[in-house]
């Protein structure tokens, strides 16, 4: 079974990953945590994005 991500779906994943990485870099968590999250997203583009969405660093703005 060969799973291939290409075309518009691949472009959307790339844009979402870049957006997530920019949010991670701008967050106020430690540098080590930022690096870990970025590596997870780069190694697992789709799954890493989903994990970051639910468990990633959040700035408390309330």
C-alpha atoms as a PDB file:
ATOM      1  CA  UNK A   1       0.000   0.000   0.000  1.00  0.00           C
ATOM      2  CA  UNK A   2       1.578   3.231  -1.139  1.00  0.00           C
ATOM      3  CA  UNK A   3       0.286   6.435   0.442  1.00  0.00           C
ATOM      4  CA  UNK A   4       1.226   9.579  -1.429  1.00  0.00           C
ATOM      5  CA  UNK A   5       0.351  13.152  -0.532  1.00  0.00           C
ATOM      6  CA  UNK A   6       0.454  15.434  -3.518  1.00  0.00           C
ATOM      7  CA  UNK A   7      -1.321  18.208  -5.299  1.00  0.00           C
ATOM      8  CA  UNK A   8      -3.589  20.606  -3.486  1.00  0.00           C
ATOM      9  CA  UNK A   9      -3.747  18.463  -0.340  1.00  0.00           C
ATOM     10  CA  UNK A  10       0.050  18.444  -0.091  1.00  0.00           C
ATOM     11  CA  UNK A  11       0.163  22.209  -0.524  1.00  0.00           C
ATOM     12  CA  UNK A  12      -2.428  22.676   2.232  1.00  0.00           C
ATOM     13  CA  UNK A  13      -0.411  20.463   4.591  1.00  0.00           C
ATOM     14  CA  UNK A  14       2.750  22.449   3.795  1.00  0.00           C
ATOM     15  CA  UNK A  15       0.999  25.751   4.506  1.00  0.00           C
ATOM     16  CA  UNK A  16      -0.485  24.403   7.753  1.00  0.00           C
ATOM     17  CA  UNK A  17       2.916  23.090   8.878  1.00  0.00           C
ATOM     18  CA  UNK A  18       4.593  26.437   8.183  1.00  0.00           C
ATOM     19  CA  UNK A  19       1.808  28.214  10.078  1.00  0.00           C
ATOM     20  CA  UNK A  20       2.249  25.839  13.049  1.00  0.00           C
ATOM     21  CA  UNK A  21       6.029  26.306  13.081  1.00  0.00           C
ATOM     22  CA  UNK A  22       5.642  30.093  13.043  1.00  0.00           C
ATOM     23  CA  UNK A  23       3.226  29.865  15.979  1.00  0.00           C
ATOM     24  CA  UNK A  24       5.658  27.655  17.860  1.00  0.00           C
ATOM     25  CA  UNK A  25       8.560  30.052  17.278  1.00  0.00           C
ATOM     26  CA  UNK A  26       6.447  32.989  18.504  1.00  0.00           C
ATOM     27  CA  UNK A  27       5.236  31.173  21.627  1.00  0.00           C
ATOM     28  CA  UNK A  28       6.711  31.818  25.047  1.00  0.00           C
ATOM     29  CA  UNK A  29       7.739  28.237  25.810  1.00  0.00           C
ATOM     30  CA  UNK A  30      11.360  27.239  26.329  1.00  0.00           C
ATOM     31  CA  UNK A  31      13.706  26.831  23.396  1.00  0.00           C
ATOM     32  CA  UNK A  32      13.966  23.091  24.017  1.00  0.00           C
ATOM     33  CA  UNK A  33      10.191  22.671  23.822  1.00  0.00           C
ATOM     34  CA  UNK A  34      10.078  24.763  20.653  1.00  0.00           C
ATOM     35  CA  UNK A  35      12.750  22.582  19.081  1.00  0.00           C
ATOM     36  CA  UNK A  36      10.948  19.371  20.048  1.00  0.00           C
ATOM     37  CA  UNK A  37       7.638  20.571  18.548  1.00  0.00           C
ATOM     38  CA  UNK A  38       9.310  21.747  15.341  1.00  0.00           C
ATOM     39  CA  UNK A  39      11.083  18.399  14.916  1.00  0.00           C
ATOM     40  CA  UNK A  40       7.811  16.516  15.497  1.00  0.00           C
ATOM     41  CA  UNK A  41       6.055  18.600  12.836  1.00  0.00           C
ATOM     42  CA  UNK A  42       8.902  18.232  10.356  1.00  0.00           C
ATOM     43  CA  UNK A  43       9.188  14.460  10.813  1.00  0.00           C
ATOM     44  CA  UNK A  44       5.434  13.778  10.902  1.00  0.00           C
ATOM     45  CA  UNK A  45       3.806  16.534   8.838  1.00  0.00           C
ATOM     46  CA  UNK A  46       0.170  15.446   9.141  1.00  0.00           C
ATOM     47  CA  UNK A  47       0.229  13.582  12.454  1.00  0.00           C
ATOM     48  CA  UNK A  48       2.586  16.138  14.026  1.00  0.00           C
ATOM     49  CA  UNK A  49       0.245  18.948  13.025  1.00  0.00           C
ATOM     50  CA  UNK A  50      -2.719  17.162  14.581  1.00  0.00           C
ATOM     51  CA  UNK A  51      -0.810  16.437  17.804  1.00  0.00           C
ATOM     52  CA  UNK A  52       0.388  20.047  17.994  1.00  0.00           C
ATOM     53  CA  UNK A  53      -3.163  21.327  17.450  1.00  0.00           C
ATOM     54  CA  UNK A  54      -4.442  19.419  20.504  1.00  0.00           C
ATOM     55  CA  UNK A  55      -1.411  19.343  22.796  1.00  0.00           C
ATOM     56  CA  UNK A  56       0.951  22.070  21.595  1.00  0.00           C
ATOM     57  CA  UNK A  57       2.123  25.088  23.515  1.00  0.00           C
ATOM     58  CA  UNK A  58      -0.517  27.766  23.995  1.00  0.00           C
ATOM     59  CA  UNK A  59      -0.036  31.342  25.082  1.00  0.00           C
ATOM     60  CA  UNK A  60      -2.422  32.213  27.874  1.00  0.00           C
ATOM     61  CA  UNK A  61      -4.001  35.460  26.755  1.00  0.00           C
ATOM     62  CA  UNK A  62      -6.855  35.724  29.164  1.00  0.00           C
END
